[in-house]
């Protein structure tokens, strides 16, 4: 897996409380590179933290995002933060 970030080219697909935003995060899986067929028919599975602190996993087509190669440390830092947020939310739900 390459160290790649993505940013959406349009914010219209991301609405939360009627506020549009550009999603940006990491590419978790590249279906074109792995020659696997995606369930959605899209090219990438992406992961990002939305402005409200929720971790989101969604599908994106190659024409919907801009891909930027970043340093290994920057990629791992965001990946670690995503994993920590997911762990904290799961722990919260189990401790209710």
PDB file of N, CA and C in Angstrom:
ATOM      1  N   UNK A   1       0.860  -1.185   0.000  1.00  0.00           N
ATOM      2  CA  UNK A   1       0.000   0.000   0.000  1.00  0.00           C
ATOM      3  C   UNK A   1       0.901   1.242   0.000  1.00  0.00           C
ATOM      4  N   UNK A   2       0.557   2.171  -0.849  1.00  0.00           N
ATOM      5  CA  UNK A   2       1.279   3.429  -0.921  1.00  0.00           C
ATOM      6  C   UNK A   2       0.822   4.351   0.205  1.00  0.00           C
ATOM      7  N   UNK A   3       1.632   5.340   0.493  1.00  0.00           N
ATOM      8  CA  UNK A   3       1.280   6.358   1.493  1.00  0.00           C
ATOM      9  C   UNK A   3       0.550   7.488   0.780  1.00  0.00           C
ATOM     10  N   UNK A   4      -0.782   7.344   0.658  1.00  0.00           N
ATOM     11  CA  UNK A   4      -1.551   8.304  -0.116  1.00  0.00           C
ATOM     12  C   UNK A   4      -2.692   8.894   0.698  1.00  0.00           C
ATOM     13  N   UNK A   5      -2.815  10.209   0.586  1.00  0.00           N
ATOM     14  CA  UNK A   5      -3.974  10.934   1.106  1.00  0.00           C
ATOM     15  C   UNK A   5      -4.892  11.213  -0.072  1.00  0.00           C
ATOM     16  N   UNK A   6      -6.142  11.476   0.233  1.00  0.00           N
ATOM     17  CA  UNK A   6      -7.079  11.896  -0.808  1.00  0.00           C
ATOM     18  C   UNK A   6      -7.789  13.153  -0.317  1.00  0.00           C
ATOM     19  N   UNK A   7      -8.295  13.904  -1.259  1.00  0.00           N
ATOM     20  CA  UNK A   7      -9.206  15.011  -0.950  1.00  0.00           C
ATOM     21  C   UNK A   7     -10.306  14.984  -2.008  1.00  0.00           C
ATOM     22  N   UNK A   8     -11.542  15.134  -1.547  1.00  0.00           N
ATOM     23  CA  UNK A   8     -12.669  15.164  -2.482  1.00  0.00           C
ATOM     24  C   UNK A   8     -12.569  16.380  -3.387  1.00  0.00           C
ATOM     25  N   UNK A   9     -12.997  16.222  -4.620  1.00  0.00           N
ATOM     26  CA  UNK A   9     -13.010  17.336  -5.564  1.00  0.00           C
ATOM     27  C   UNK A   9     -14.253  18.200  -5.403  1.00  0.00           C
ATOM     28  N   UNK A  10     -15.312  17.635  -4.819  1.00  0.00           N
ATOM     29  CA  UNK A  10     -16.533  18.396  -4.562  1.00  0.00           C
ATOM     30  C   UNK A  10     -16.986  18.159  -3.133  1.00  0.00           C
ATOM     31  N   UNK A  11     -17.626  19.138  -2.540  1.00  0.00           N
ATOM     32  CA  UNK A  11     -18.105  18.980  -1.170  1.00  0.00           C
ATOM     33  C   UNK A  11     -19.583  18.630  -1.116  1.00  0.00           C
ATOM     34  N   UNK A  12     -20.249  18.595  -2.256  1.00  0.00           N
ATOM     35  CA  UNK A  12     -21.696  18.364  -2.275  1.00  0.00           C
ATOM     36  C   UNK A  12     -22.101  16.994  -1.756  1.00  0.00           C
ATOM     37  N   UNK A  13     -21.205  16.008  -1.872  1.00  0.00           N
ATOM     38  CA  UNK A  13     -21.572  14.664  -1.426  1.00  0.00           C
ATOM     39  C   UNK A  13     -21.454  14.531   0.097  1.00  0.00           C
ATOM     40  N   UNK A  14     -20.799  15.457   0.752  1.00  0.00           N
ATOM     41  CA  UNK A  14     -20.606  15.390   2.195  1.00  0.00           C
ATOM     42  C   UNK A  14     -21.425  16.472   2.891  1.00  0.00           C
ATOM     43  N   UNK A  15     -22.552  16.067   3.409  1.00  0.00           N
ATOM     44  CA  UNK A  15     -23.406  16.998   4.138  1.00  0.00           C
ATOM     45  C   UNK A  15     -23.650  16.445   5.535  1.00  0.00           C
ATOM     46  N   UNK A  16     -23.458  17.287   6.520  1.00  0.00           N
ATOM     47  CA  UNK A  16     -23.721  16.901   7.906  1.00  0.00           C
ATOM     48  C   UNK A  16     -24.365  18.107   8.563  1.00  0.00           C
ATOM     49  N   UNK A  17     -25.550  17.931   9.079  1.00  0.00           N
ATOM     50  CA  UNK A  17     -26.302  19.059   9.638  1.00  0.00           C
ATOM     51  C   UNK A  17     -26.396  20.201   8.646  1.00  0.00           C
ATOM     52  N   UNK A  18     -26.563  19.841   7.355  1.00  0.00           N
ATOM     53  CA  UNK A  18     -26.710  20.785   6.253  1.00  0.00           C
ATOM     54  C   UNK A  18     -25.473  21.630   5.995  1.00  0.00           C
ATOM     55  N   UNK A  19     -24.320  21.225   6.530  1.00  0.00           N
ATOM     56  CA  UNK A  19     -23.063  21.918   6.269  1.00  0.00           C
ATOM     57  C   UNK A  19     -22.201  21.067   5.341  1.00  0.00           C
ATOM     58  N   UNK A  20     -21.895  21.567   4.137  1.00  0.00           N
ATOM     59  CA  UNK A  20     -21.047  20.794   3.226  1.00  0.00           C
ATOM     60  C   UNK A  20     -19.580  20.903   3.643  1.00  0.00           C
ATOM     61  N   UNK A  21     -18.805  19.859   3.371  1.00  0.00           N
ATOM     62  CA  UNK A  21     -17.372  19.888   3.650  1.00  0.00           C
ATOM     63  C   UNK A  21     -16.635  18.998   2.656  1.00  0.00           C
ATOM     64  N   UNK A  22     -15.355  19.275   2.464  1.00  0.00           N
ATOM     65  CA  UNK A  22     -14.491  18.450   1.634  1.00  0.00           C
ATOM     66  C   UNK A  22     -13.876  17.383   2.532  1.00  0.00           C
ATOM     67  N   UNK A  23     -14.101  16.115   2.214  1.00  0.00           N
ATOM     68  CA  UNK A  23     -13.475  15.043   2.975  1.00  0.00           C
ATOM     69  C   UNK A  23     -12.029  14.892   2.521  1.00  0.00           C
ATOM     70  N   UNK A  24     -11.149  14.606   3.479  1.00  0.00           N
ATOM     71  CA  UNK A  24      -9.744  14.334   3.189  1.00  0.00           C
ATOM     72  C   UNK A  24      -9.265  13.295   4.190  1.00  0.00           C
ATOM     73  N   UNK A  25      -8.491  12.349   3.724  1.00  0.00           N
ATOM     74  CA  UNK A  25      -8.011  11.295   4.609  1.00  0.00           C
ATOM     75  C   UNK A  25      -7.096  10.343   3.869  1.00  0.00           C
ATOM     76  N   UNK A  26      -7.140   9.057   4.245  1.00  0.00           N
ATOM     77  CA  UNK A  26      -6.241   8.080   3.644  1.00  0.00           C
ATOM     78  C   UNK A  26      -7.004   7.134   2.719  1.00  0.00           C
ATOM     79  N   UNK A  27      -6.276   6.588   1.764  1.00  0.00           N
ATOM     80  CA  UNK A  27      -6.826   5.554   0.900  1.00  0.00           C
ATOM     81  C   UNK A  27      -6.526   4.225   1.570  1.00  0.00           C
ATOM     82  N   UNK A  28      -7.586   3.530   1.968  1.00  0.00           N
ATOM     83  CA  UNK A  28      -7.425   2.265   2.678  1.00  0.00           C
ATOM     84  C   UNK A  28      -7.238   1.092   1.721  1.00  0.00           C
ATOM     85  N   UNK A  29      -7.904   1.142   0.573  1.00  0.00           N
ATOM     86  CA  UNK A  29      -7.778   0.058  -0.391  1.00  0.00           C
ATOM     87  C   UNK A  29      -7.939   0.612  -1.796  1.00  0.00           C
ATOM     88  N   UNK A  30      -7.076   0.154  -2.690  1.00  0.00           N
ATOM     89  CA  UNK A  30      -7.100   0.557  -4.093  1.00  0.00           C
ATOM     90  C   UNK A  30      -7.513  -0.668  -4.911  1.00  0.00           C
ATOM     91  N   UNK A  31      -8.739  -0.684  -5.364  1.00  0.00           N
ATOM     92  CA  UNK A  31      -9.247  -1.846  -6.087  1.00  0.00           C
ATOM     93  C   UNK A  31      -8.680  -1.953  -7.495  1.00  0.00           C
ATOM     94  N   UNK A  32      -8.218  -0.863  -8.046  1.00  0.00           N
ATOM     95  CA  UNK A  32      -7.596  -0.923  -9.375  1.00  0.00           C
ATOM     96  C   UNK A  32      -6.239  -1.596  -9.283  1.00  0.00           C
ATOM     97  N   UNK A  33      -5.473  -1.235  -8.245  1.00  0.00           N
ATOM     98  CA  UNK A  33      -4.132  -1.796  -8.072  1.00  0.00           C
ATOM     99  C   UNK A  33      -4.188  -3.274  -7.710  1.00  0.00           C
ATOM    100  N   UNK A  34      -5.119  -3.636  -6.833  1.00  0.00           N
ATOM    101  CA  UNK A  34      -5.231  -5.012  -6.367  1.00  0.00           C
ATOM    102  C   UNK A  34      -6.004  -5.905  -7.327  1.00  0.00           C
ATOM    103  N   UNK A  35      -6.557  -5.305  -8.369  1.00  0.00           N
ATOM    104  CA  UNK A  35      -7.342  -6.030  -9.372  1.00  0.00           C
ATOM    105  C   UNK A  35      -8.472  -6.843  -8.735  1.00  0.00           C
ATOM    106  N   UNK A  36      -9.027  -6.283  -7.651  1.00  0.00           N
ATOM    107  CA  UNK A  36     -10.197  -6.882  -7.018  1.00  0.00           C
ATOM    108  C   UNK A  36     -11.416  -6.102  -7.485  1.00  0.00           C
ATOM    109  N   UNK A  37     -12.556  -6.751  -7.458  1.00  0.00           N
ATOM    110  CA  UNK A  37     -13.788  -6.059  -7.813  1.00  0.00           C
ATOM    111  C   UNK A  37     -14.406  -5.478  -6.549  1.00  0.00           C
ATOM    112  N   UNK A  38     -14.695  -4.188  -6.571  1.00  0.00           N
ATOM    113  CA  UNK A  38     -15.304  -3.565  -5.399  1.00  0.00           C
ATOM    114  C   UNK A  38     -16.806  -3.785  -5.423  1.00  0.00           C
ATOM    115  N   UNK A  39     -17.385  -3.868  -4.267  1.00  0.00           N
ATOM    116  CA  UNK A  39     -18.821  -4.069  -4.132  1.00  0.00           C
ATOM    117  C   UNK A  39     -19.591  -2.900  -4.737  1.00  0.00           C
ATOM    118  N   UNK A  40     -19.036  -1.699  -4.557  1.00  0.00           N
ATOM    119  CA  UNK A  40     -19.740  -0.492  -5.002  1.00  0.00           C
ATOM    120  C   UNK A  40     -19.493  -0.154  -6.469  1.00  0.00           C
ATOM    121  N   UNK A  41     -18.467  -0.769  -7.060  1.00  0.00           N
ATOM    122  CA  UNK A  41     -18.090  -0.405  -8.417  1.00  0.00           C
ATOM    123  C   UNK A  41     -17.142   0.780  -8.457  1.00  0.00           C
ATOM    124  N   UNK A  42     -16.817   1.329  -7.285  1.00  0.00           N
ATOM    125  CA  UNK A  42     -15.897   2.470  -7.206  1.00  0.00           C
ATOM    126  C   UNK A  42     -14.459   1.950  -7.143  1.00  0.00           C
ATOM    127  N   UNK A  43     -13.499   2.860  -7.273  1.00  0.00           N
ATOM    128  CA  UNK A  43     -12.092   2.477  -7.360  1.00  0.00           C
ATOM    129  C   UNK A  43     -11.377   2.366  -6.012  1.00  0.00           C
ATOM    130  N   UNK A  44     -11.826   3.137  -5.019  1.00  0.00           N
ATOM    131  CA  UNK A  44     -11.090   3.221  -3.755  1.00  0.00           C
ATOM    132  C   UNK A  44     -12.017   3.105  -2.541  1.00  0.00           C
ATOM    133  N   UNK A  45     -11.480   2.543  -1.478  1.00  0.00           N
ATOM    134  CA  UNK A  45     -12.103   2.631  -0.164  1.00  0.00           C
ATOM    135  C   UNK A  45     -11.276   3.666   0.603  1.00  0.00           C
ATOM    136  N   UNK A  46     -11.927   4.710   1.075  1.00  0.00           N
ATOM    137  CA  UNK A  46     -11.224   5.790   1.768  1.00  0.00           C
ATOM    138  C   UNK A  46     -11.706   5.882   3.212  1.00  0.00           C
ATOM    139  N   UNK A  47     -10.840   6.413   4.064  1.00  0.00           N
ATOM    140  CA  UNK A  47     -11.159   6.602   5.480  1.00  0.00           C
ATOM    141  C   UNK A  47     -10.790   8.030   5.846  1.00  0.00           C
ATOM    142  N   UNK A  48     -11.714   8.696   6.558  1.00  0.00           N
ATOM    143  CA  UNK A  48     -11.430  10.061   6.991  1.00  0.00           C
ATOM    144  C   UNK A  48     -12.171  10.350   8.288  1.00  0.00           C
ATOM    145  N   UNK A  49     -11.740  11.400   8.946  1.00  0.00           N
ATOM    146  CA  UNK A  49     -12.406  11.882  10.153  1.00  0.00           C
ATOM    147  C   UNK A  49     -13.210  13.107   9.744  1.00  0.00           C
ATOM    148  N   UNK A  50     -14.523  13.046   9.951  1.00  0.00           N
ATOM    149  CA  UNK A  50     -15.348  14.186   9.537  1.00  0.00           C
ATOM    150  C   UNK A  50     -15.200  15.336  10.545  1.00  0.00           C
ATOM    151  N   UNK A  51     -15.717  16.510  10.218  1.00  0.00           N
ATOM    152  CA  UNK A  51     -15.547  17.664  11.109  1.00  0.00           C
ATOM    153  C   UNK A  51     -16.153  17.486  12.505  1.00  0.00           C
ATOM    154  N   UNK A  52     -16.977  16.470  12.699  1.00  0.00           N
ATOM    155  CA  UNK A  52     -17.606  16.223  13.997  1.00  0.00           C
ATOM    156  C   UNK A  52     -16.905  15.110  14.776  1.00  0.00           C
ATOM    157  N   UNK A  53     -15.760  14.653  14.256  1.00  0.00           N
ATOM    158  CA  UNK A  53     -14.951  13.668  14.957  1.00  0.00           C
ATOM    159  C   UNK A  53     -15.335  12.220  14.741  1.00  0.00           C
ATOM    160  N   UNK A  54     -16.166  11.952  13.752  1.00  0.00           N
ATOM    161  CA  UNK A  54     -16.553  10.582  13.443  1.00  0.00           C
ATOM    162  C   UNK A  54     -15.656  10.013  12.350  1.00  0.00           C
ATOM    163  N   UNK A  55     -15.270   8.749  12.499  1.00  0.00           N
ATOM    164  CA  UNK A  55     -14.490   8.064  11.473  1.00  0.00           C
ATOM    165  C   UNK A  55     -15.457   7.547  10.418  1.00  0.00           C
ATOM    166  N   UNK A  56     -15.168   7.849   9.161  1.00  0.00           N
ATOM    167  CA  UNK A  56     -16.037   7.455   8.049  1.00  0.00           C
ATOM    168  C   UNK A  56     -15.242   6.613   7.057  1.00  0.00           C
ATOM    169  N   UNK A  57     -15.825   5.512   6.621  1.00  0.00           N
ATOM    170  CA  UNK A  57     -15.281   4.680   5.547  1.00  0.00           C
ATOM    171  C   UNK A  57     -16.290   4.740   4.403  1.00  0.00           C
ATOM    172  N   UNK A  58     -15.796   5.167   3.253  1.00  0.00           N
ATOM    173  CA  UNK A  58     -16.680   5.332   2.105  1.00  0.00           C
ATOM    174  C   UNK A  58     -15.969   4.907   0.835  1.00  0.00           C
ATOM    175  N   UNK A  59     -16.719   4.827  -0.234  1.00  0.00           N
ATOM    176  CA  UNK A  59     -16.184   4.486  -1.553  1.00  0.00           C
ATOM    177  C   UNK A  59     -16.020   5.761  -2.367  1.00  0.00           C
ATOM    178  N   UNK A  60     -14.979   5.787  -3.196  1.00  0.00           N
ATOM    179  CA  UNK A  60     -14.775   6.914  -4.103  1.00  0.00           C
ATOM    180  C   UNK A  60     -14.283   6.403  -5.451  1.00  0.00           C
ATOM    181  N   UNK A  61     -14.731   7.067  -6.516  1.00  0.00           N
ATOM    182  CA  UNK A  61     -14.235   6.795  -7.858  1.00  0.00           C
ATOM    183  C   UNK A  61     -13.014   7.646  -8.133  1.00  0.00           C
ATOM    184  N   UNK A  62     -12.218   7.227  -9.088  1.00  0.00           N
ATOM    185  CA  UNK A  62     -10.985   7.946  -9.403  1.00  0.00           C
ATOM    186  C   UNK A  62     -11.261   9.383  -9.833  1.00  0.00           C
ATOM    187  N   UNK A  63     -12.413   9.639 -10.433  1.00  0.00           N
ATOM    188  CA  UNK A  63     -12.742  10.978 -10.905  1.00  0.00           C
ATOM    189  C   UNK A  63     -13.353  11.858  -9.813  1.00  0.00           C
ATOM    190  N   UNK A  64     -13.517  11.322  -8.600  1.00  0.00           N
ATOM    191  CA  UNK A  64     -14.128  12.076  -7.505  1.00  0.00           C
ATOM    192  C   UNK A  64     -13.112  12.653  -6.516  1.00  0.00           C
ATOM    193  N   UNK A  65     -11.840  12.207  -6.621  1.00  0.00           N
ATOM    194  CA  UNK A  65     -10.843  12.617  -5.631  1.00  0.00           C
ATOM    195  C   UNK A  65      -9.530  13.018  -6.286  1.00  0.00           C
ATOM    196  N   UNK A  66      -8.764  13.785  -5.530  1.00  0.00           N
ATOM    197  CA  UNK A  66      -7.383  14.087  -5.890  1.00  0.00           C
ATOM    198  C   UNK A  66      -6.514  13.275  -4.946  1.00  0.00           C
ATOM    199  N   UNK A  67      -5.500  12.593  -5.470  1.00  0.00           N
ATOM    200  CA  UNK A  67      -4.628  11.740  -4.665  1.00  0.00           C
ATOM    201  C   UNK A  67      -3.270  12.407  -4.526  1.00  0.00           C
ATOM    202  N   UNK A  68      -2.781  12.436  -3.293  1.00  0.00           N
ATOM    203  CA  UNK A  68      -1.505  13.080  -2.994  1.00  0.00           C
ATOM    204  C   UNK A  68      -0.637  12.081  -2.247  1.00  0.00           C
ATOM    205  N   UNK A  69       0.560  11.832  -2.742  1.00  0.00           N
ATOM    206  CA  UNK A  69       1.483  10.950  -2.036  1.00  0.00           C
ATOM    207  C   UNK A  69       2.153  11.747  -0.921  1.00  0.00           C
ATOM    208  N   UNK A  70       2.197  11.162   0.277  1.00  0.00           N
ATOM    209  CA  UNK A  70       2.749  11.839   1.451  1.00  0.00           C
ATOM    210  C   UNK A  70       3.830  10.968   2.077  1.00  0.00           C
ATOM    211  N   UNK A  71       4.526  11.538   3.054  1.00  0.00           N
ATOM    212  CA  UNK A  71       5.577  10.777   3.735  1.00  0.00           C
ATOM    213  C   UNK A  71       4.959   9.629   4.534  1.00  0.00           C
ATOM    214  N   UNK A  72       5.759   8.628   4.765  1.00  0.00           N
ATOM    215  CA  UNK A  72       5.300   7.469   5.546  1.00  0.00           C
ATOM    216  C   UNK A  72       4.852   7.899   6.937  1.00  0.00           C
ATOM    217  N   UNK A  73       5.594   8.819   7.562  1.00  0.00           N
ATOM    218  CA  UNK A  73       5.246   9.255   8.924  1.00  0.00           C
ATOM    219  C   UNK A  73       3.914  10.006   8.962  1.00  0.00           C
ATOM    220  N   UNK A  74       3.632  10.844   7.960  1.00  0.00           N
ATOM    221  CA  UNK A  74       2.351  11.563   7.919  1.00  0.00           C
ATOM    222  C   UNK A  74       1.199  10.586   7.740  1.00  0.00           C
ATOM    223  N   UNK A  75       1.386   9.601   6.869  1.00  0.00           N
ATOM    224  CA  UNK A  75       0.355   8.594   6.638  1.00  0.00           C
ATOM    225  C   UNK A  75       0.088   7.798   7.916  1.00  0.00           C
ATOM    226  N   UNK A  76       1.157   7.343   8.564  1.00  0.00           N
ATOM    227  CA  UNK A  76       1.010   6.536   9.783  1.00  0.00           C
ATOM    228  C   UNK A  76       0.398   7.348  10.925  1.00  0.00           C
ATOM    229  N   UNK A  77       0.695   8.640  10.987  1.00  0.00           N
ATOM    230  CA  UNK A  77       0.130   9.482  12.041  1.00  0.00           C
ATOM    231  C   UNK A  77      -1.394   9.576  11.910  1.00  0.00           C
ATOM    232  N   UNK A  78      -1.883   9.819  10.695  1.00  0.00           N
ATOM    233  CA  UNK A  78      -3.327   9.900  10.491  1.00  0.00           C
ATOM    234  C   UNK A  78      -3.973   8.536  10.703  1.00  0.00           C
ATOM    235  N   UNK A  79      -3.333   7.481  10.226  1.00  0.00           N
ATOM    236  CA  UNK A  79      -3.855   6.124  10.413  1.00  0.00           C
ATOM    237  C   UNK A  79      -3.955   5.788  11.904  1.00  0.00           C
ATOM    238  N   UNK A  80      -2.946   6.158  12.682  1.00  0.00           N
ATOM    239  CA  UNK A  80      -2.957   5.933  14.136  1.00  0.00           C
ATOM    240  C   UNK A  80      -4.088   6.707  14.794  1.00  0.00           C
ATOM    241  N   UNK A  81      -4.278   7.960  14.406  1.00  0.00           N
ATOM    242  CA  UNK A  81      -5.368   8.767  14.974  1.00  0.00           C
ATOM    243  C   UNK A  81      -6.735   8.180  14.641  1.00  0.00           C
ATOM    244  N   UNK A  82      -6.905   7.686  13.432  1.00  0.00           N
ATOM    245  CA  UNK A  82      -8.163   7.046  13.049  1.00  0.00           C
ATOM    246  C   UNK A  82      -8.401   5.815  13.919  1.00  0.00           C
ATOM    247  N   UNK A  83      -7.371   4.979  14.067  1.00  0.00           N
ATOM    248  CA  UNK A  83      -7.498   3.773  14.892  1.00  0.00           C
ATOM    249  C   UNK A  83      -7.792   4.106  16.348  1.00  0.00           C
ATOM    250  N   UNK A  84      -7.174   5.154  16.875  1.00  0.00           N
ATOM    251  CA  UNK A  84      -7.416   5.562  18.259  1.00  0.00           C
ATOM    252  C   UNK A  84      -8.852   6.045  18.442  1.00  0.00           C
ATOM    253  N   UNK A  85      -9.350   6.841  17.496  1.00  0.00           N
ATOM    254  CA  UNK A  85     -10.734   7.317  17.568  1.00  0.00           C
ATOM    255  C   UNK A  85     -11.722   6.151  17.508  1.00  0.00           C
ATOM    256  N   UNK A  86     -11.475   5.207  16.603  1.00  0.00           N
ATOM    257  CA  UNK A  86     -12.359   4.048  16.501  1.00  0.00           C
ATOM    258  C   UNK A  86     -12.325   3.228  17.789  1.00  0.00           C
ATOM    259  N   UNK A  87     -11.142   3.045  18.353  1.00  0.00           N
ATOM    260  CA  UNK A  87     -11.009   2.301  19.598  1.00  0.00           C
ATOM    261  C   UNK A  87     -11.721   2.985  20.741  1.00  0.00           C
ATOM    262  N   UNK A  88     -11.605   4.300  20.820  1.00  0.00           N
ATOM    263  CA  UNK A  88     -12.260   5.054  21.897  1.00  0.00           C
ATOM    264  C   UNK A  88     -13.774   4.964  21.766  1.00  0.00           C
ATOM    265  N   UNK A  89     -14.286   5.054  20.554  1.00  0.00           N
ATOM    266  CA  UNK A  89     -15.741   4.973  20.365  1.00  0.00           C
ATOM    267  C   UNK A  89     -16.248   3.570  20.682  1.00  0.00           C
ATOM    268  N   UNK A  90     -15.501   2.535  20.274  1.00  0.00           N
ATOM    269  CA  UNK A  90     -15.917   1.161  20.568  1.00  0.00           C
ATOM    270  C   UNK A  90     -15.885   0.900  22.062  1.00  0.00           C
ATOM    271  N   UNK A  91     -14.863   1.389  22.744  1.00  0.00           N
ATOM    272  CA  UNK A  91     -14.753   1.215  24.185  1.00  0.00           C
ATOM    273  C   UNK A  91     -15.902   1.917  24.904  1.00  0.00           C
ATOM    274  N   UNK A  92     -16.253   3.108  24.406  1.00  0.00           N
ATOM    275  CA  UNK A  92     -17.361   3.866  24.997  1.00  0.00           C
ATOM    276  C   UNK A  92     -18.657   3.065  24.906  1.00  0.00           C
ATOM    277  N   UNK A  93     -18.904   2.461  23.722  1.00  0.00           N
ATOM    278  CA  UNK A  93     -20.140   1.709  23.538  1.00  0.00           C
ATOM    279  C   UNK A  93     -20.179   0.462  24.400  1.00  0.00           C
ATOM    280  N   UNK A  94     -19.017  -0.188  24.597  1.00  0.00           N
ATOM    281  CA  UNK A  94     -18.997  -1.402  25.398  1.00  0.00           C
ATOM    282  C   UNK A  94     -19.131  -1.108  26.887  1.00  0.00           C
ATOM    283  N   UNK A  95     -18.793   0.118  27.300  1.00  0.00           N
ATOM    284  CA  UNK A  95     -18.830   0.455  28.721  1.00  0.00           C
ATOM    285  C   UNK A  95     -20.110   1.179  29.139  1.00  0.00           C
ATOM    286  N   UNK A  96     -21.117   1.204  28.286  1.00  0.00           N
ATOM    287  CA  UNK A  96     -22.382   1.868  28.635  1.00  0.00           C
ATOM    288  C   UNK A  96     -23.149   1.087  29.671  1.00  0.00           C
TER     289      UNK A  96
END
